[in-house]
Amino acid sequence: MKEYVTYLFVPTNKKELFSKALECGADAIIIDLHEFRTNLIWVR
């Protein structure tokens, strides 16, 4: 029987999602740094 693994992708532009991601029960949380880099480029 295959064991399923859940991945949750969390964007860095919404900090309130970090705590929710930790509580959701996903096996792995992946923080999407693409949004963070995009925001840095626009600040320059």
PDB file of N, CA and C in Angstrom:
ATOM      1  N   MET A   1       0.843  -1.181   0.000  1.00  0.00           N
ATOM      2  CA  MET A   1       0.000   0.000   0.000  1.00  0.00           C
ATOM      3  C   MET A   1       0.886   1.242   0.000  1.00  0.00           C
ATOM      4  N   LYS A   2       0.556   2.185  -0.868  1.00  0.00           N
ATOM      5  CA  LYS A   2       1.346   3.404  -0.999  1.00  0.00           C
ATOM      6  C   LYS A   2       1.024   4.379   0.126  1.00  0.00           C
ATOM      7  N   GLU A   3       2.076   4.940   0.702  1.00  0.00           N
ATOM      8  CA  GLU A   3       1.889   5.942   1.752  1.00  0.00           C
ATOM      9  C   GLU A   3       1.897   7.327   1.101  1.00  0.00           C
ATOM     10  N   TYR A   4       0.861   8.100   1.320  1.00  0.00           N
ATOM     11  CA  TYR A   4       0.739   9.413   0.709  1.00  0.00           C
ATOM     12  C   TYR A   4       1.444  10.464   1.553  1.00  0.00           C
ATOM     13  N   VAL A   5       2.026  11.419   0.876  1.00  0.00           N
ATOM     14  CA  VAL A   5       2.704  12.529   1.525  1.00  0.00           C
ATOM     15  C   VAL A   5       2.067  13.805   1.000  1.00  0.00           C
ATOM     16  N   THR A   6       1.735  14.718   1.899  1.00  0.00           N
ATOM     17  CA  THR A   6       1.139  15.982   1.478  1.00  0.00           C
ATOM     18  C   THR A   6       2.164  17.098   1.564  1.00  0.00           C
ATOM     19  N   TYR A   7       2.212  17.893   0.506  1.00  0.00           N
ATOM     20  CA  TYR A   7       3.083  19.057   0.440  1.00  0.00           C
ATOM     21  C   TYR A   7       2.213  20.300   0.404  1.00  0.00           C
ATOM     22  N   LEU A   8       2.589  21.293   1.171  1.00  0.00           N
ATOM     23  CA  LEU A   8       1.845  22.545   1.191  1.00  0.00           C
ATOM     24  C   LEU A   8       2.793  23.665   0.786  1.00  0.00           C
ATOM     25  N   PHE A   9       2.454  24.368  -0.273  1.00  0.00           N
ATOM     26  CA  PHE A   9       3.253  25.494  -0.742  1.00  0.00           C
ATOM     27  C   PHE A   9       2.686  26.775  -0.144  1.00  0.00           C
ATOM     28  N   VAL A  10       3.564  27.559   0.510  1.00  0.00           N
ATOM     29  CA  VAL A  10       3.133  28.790   1.170  1.00  0.00           C
ATOM     30  C   VAL A  10       3.884  29.961   0.537  1.00  0.00           C
ATOM     31  N   PRO A  11       3.162  30.954   0.015  1.00  0.00           N
ATOM     32  CA  PRO A  11       3.843  32.118  -0.565  1.00  0.00           C
ATOM     33  C   PRO A  11       4.404  33.023   0.533  1.00  0.00           C
ATOM     34  N   THR A  12       5.514  33.680   0.247  1.00  0.00           N
ATOM     35  CA  THR A  12       6.134  34.549   1.263  1.00  0.00           C
ATOM     36  C   THR A  12       5.466  35.913   1.350  1.00  0.00           C
ATOM     37  N   ASN A  13       4.583  36.238   0.422  1.00  0.00           N
ATOM     38  CA  ASN A  13       3.956  37.558   0.464  1.00  0.00           C
ATOM     39  C   ASN A  13       2.765  37.612   1.426  1.00  0.00           C
ATOM     40  N   LYS A  14       2.414  36.496   2.067  1.00  0.00           N
ATOM     41  CA  LYS A  14       1.319  36.474   3.031  1.00  0.00           C
ATOM     42  C   LYS A  14       1.812  35.826   4.318  1.00  0.00           C
ATOM     43  N   LYS A  15       2.363  36.635   5.205  1.00  0.00           N
ATOM     44  CA  LYS A  15       2.985  36.126   6.425  1.00  0.00           C
ATOM     45  C   LYS A  15       1.996  35.439   7.357  1.00  0.00           C
ATOM     46  N   GLU A  16       0.735  35.796   7.296  1.00  0.00           N
ATOM     47  CA  GLU A  16      -0.258  35.176   8.176  1.00  0.00           C
ATOM     48  C   GLU A  16      -0.483  33.701   7.847  1.00  0.00           C
ATOM     49  N   LEU A  17      -0.053  33.288   6.673  1.00  0.00           N
ATOM     50  CA  LEU A  17      -0.225  31.883   6.280  1.00  0.00           C
ATOM     51  C   LEU A  17       0.826  30.961   6.899  1.00  0.00           C
ATOM     52  N   PHE A  18       1.943  31.513   7.395  1.00  0.00           N
ATOM     53  CA  PHE A  18       2.989  30.675   7.981  1.00  0.00           C
ATOM     54  C   PHE A  18       2.473  29.887   9.179  1.00  0.00           C
ATOM     55  N   SER A  19       1.813  30.562  10.108  1.00  0.00           N
ATOM     56  CA  SER A  19       1.316  29.871  11.301  1.00  0.00           C
ATOM     57  C   SER A  19       0.202  28.882  10.938  1.00  0.00           C
ATOM     58  N   LYS A  20      -0.642  29.250   9.992  1.00  0.00           N
ATOM     59  CA  LYS A  20      -1.695  28.336   9.551  1.00  0.00           C
ATOM     60  C   LYS A  20      -1.098  27.094   8.896  1.00  0.00           C
ATOM     61  N   ALA A  21      -0.018  27.279   8.155  1.00  0.00           N
ATOM     62  CA  ALA A  21       0.626  26.150   7.491  1.00  0.00           C
ATOM     63  C   ALA A  21       1.171  25.155   8.506  1.00  0.00           C
ATOM     64  N   LEU A  22       1.723  25.647   9.602  1.00  0.00           N
ATOM     65  CA  LEU A  22       2.270  24.756  10.625  1.00  0.00           C
ATOM     66  C   LEU A  22       1.180  23.946  11.319  1.00  0.00           C
ATOM     67  N   GLU A  23      -0.023  24.488  11.388  1.00  0.00           N
ATOM     68  CA  GLU A  23      -1.128  23.826  12.087  1.00  0.00           C
ATOM     69  C   GLU A  23      -1.947  22.898  11.183  1.00  0.00           C
ATOM     70  N   CYS A  24      -1.717  22.915   9.882  1.00  0.00           N
ATOM     71  CA  CYS A  24      -2.616  22.215   8.962  1.00  0.00           C
ATOM     72  C   CYS A  24      -2.410  20.707   8.918  1.00  0.00           C
ATOM     73  N   GLY A  25      -1.246  20.231   9.344  1.00  0.00           N
ATOM     74  CA  GLY A  25      -1.016  18.791   9.338  1.00  0.00           C
ATOM     75  C   GLY A  25      -0.355  18.255   8.080  1.00  0.00           C
ATOM     76  N   ALA A  26       0.171  19.125   7.238  1.00  0.00           N
ATOM     77  CA  ALA A  26       0.871  18.664   6.033  1.00  0.00           C
ATOM     78  C   ALA A  26       2.178  17.990   6.430  1.00  0.00           C
ATOM     79  N   ASP A  27       2.599  17.027   5.625  1.00  0.00           N
ATOM     80  CA  ASP A  27       3.855  16.327   5.896  1.00  0.00           C
ATOM     81  C   ASP A  27       5.068  17.208   5.617  1.00  0.00           C
ATOM     82  N   ALA A  28       4.947  18.105   4.648  1.00  0.00           N
ATOM     83  CA  ALA A  28       6.050  19.000   4.301  1.00  0.00           C
ATOM     84  C   ALA A  28       5.489  20.356   3.924  1.00  0.00           C
ATOM     85  N   ILE A  29       6.147  21.412   4.371  1.00  0.00           N
ATOM     86  CA  ILE A  29       5.748  22.776   4.038  1.00  0.00           C
ATOM     87  C   ILE A  29       6.865  23.381   3.201  1.00  0.00           C
ATOM     88  N   ILE A  30       6.515  23.847   2.029  1.00  0.00           N
ATOM     89  CA  ILE A  30       7.481  24.454   1.123  1.00  0.00           C
ATOM     90  C   ILE A  30       7.173  25.935   1.028  1.00  0.00           C
ATOM     91  N   ILE A  31       8.151  26.753   1.402  1.00  0.00           N
ATOM     92  CA  ILE A  31       7.973  28.203   1.357  1.00  0.00           C
ATOM     93  C   ILE A  31       8.417  28.685  -0.021  1.00  0.00           C
ATOM     94  N   ASP A  32       7.500  29.283  -0.740  1.00  0.00           N
ATOM     95  CA  ASP A  32       7.729  29.731  -2.113  1.00  0.00           C
ATOM     96  C   ASP A  32       8.431  31.083  -2.093  1.00  0.00           C
ATOM     97  N   LEU A  33       9.728  31.076  -2.369  1.00  0.00           N
ATOM     98  CA  LEU A  33      10.517  32.307  -2.336  1.00  0.00           C
ATOM     99  C   LEU A  33      10.366  33.143  -3.594  1.00  0.00           C
ATOM    100  N   HIS A  34       9.685  32.638  -4.600  1.00  0.00           N
ATOM    101  CA  HIS A  34       9.508  33.405  -5.831  1.00  0.00           C
ATOM    102  C   HIS A  34       8.783  34.713  -5.554  1.00  0.00           C
ATOM    103  N   GLU A  35       7.737  34.675  -4.769  1.00  0.00           N
ATOM    104  CA  GLU A  35       7.001  35.897  -4.443  1.00  0.00           C
ATOM    105  C   GLU A  35       7.881  36.871  -3.675  1.00  0.00           C
ATOM    106  N   PHE A  36       8.743  36.365  -2.809  1.00  0.00           N
ATOM    107  CA  PHE A  36       9.649  37.216  -2.041  1.00  0.00           C
ATOM    108  C   PHE A  36      10.614  37.938  -2.977  1.00  0.00           C
ATOM    109  N   ARG A  37      11.187  37.202  -3.926  1.00  0.00           N
ATOM    110  CA  ARG A  37      12.117  37.813  -4.885  1.00  0.00           C
ATOM    111  C   ARG A  37      11.402  38.834  -5.744  1.00  0.00           C
ATOM    112  N   THR A  38      10.180  38.564  -6.163  1.00  0.00           N
ATOM    113  CA  THR A  38       9.430  39.497  -6.988  1.00  0.00           C
ATOM    114  C   THR A  38       9.207  40.795  -6.230  1.00  0.00           C
ATOM    115  N   ASN A  39       8.874  40.700  -4.942  1.00  0.00           N
ATOM    116  CA  ASN A  39       8.654  41.900  -4.134  1.00  0.00           C
ATOM    117  C   ASN A  39       9.937  42.697  -3.978  1.00  0.00           C
ATOM    118  N   LEU A  40      11.079  42.040  -3.839  1.00  0.00           N
ATOM    119  CA  LEU A  40      12.350  42.738  -3.711  1.00  0.00           C
ATOM    120  C   LEU A  40      12.694  43.486  -4.989  1.00  0.00           C
ATOM    121  N   ILE A  41      12.406  42.894  -6.138  1.00  0.00           N
ATOM    122  CA  ILE A  41      12.707  43.547  -7.412  1.00  0.00           C
ATOM    123  C   ILE A  41      11.893  44.826  -7.550  1.00  0.00           C
ATOM    124  N   TRP A  42      10.635  44.809  -7.140  1.00  0.00           N
ATOM    125  CA  TRP A  42       9.784  45.984  -7.261  1.00  0.00           C
ATOM    126  C   TRP A  42      10.180  47.086  -6.296  1.00  0.00           C
ATOM    127  N   VAL A  43      10.815  46.749  -5.179  1.00  0.00           N
ATOM    128  CA  VAL A  43      11.220  47.754  -4.198  1.00  0.00           C
ATOM    129  C   VAL A  43      12.373  48.588  -4.736  1.00  0.00           C
ATOM    130  N   ARG A  44      13.241  47.969  -5.502  1.00  0.00           N
ATOM    131  CA  ARG A  44      14.412  48.689  -6.040  1.00  0.00           C
ATOM    132  C   ARG A  44      13.984  49.784  -6.894  1.00  0.00           C
TER     133      ARG A  44
END
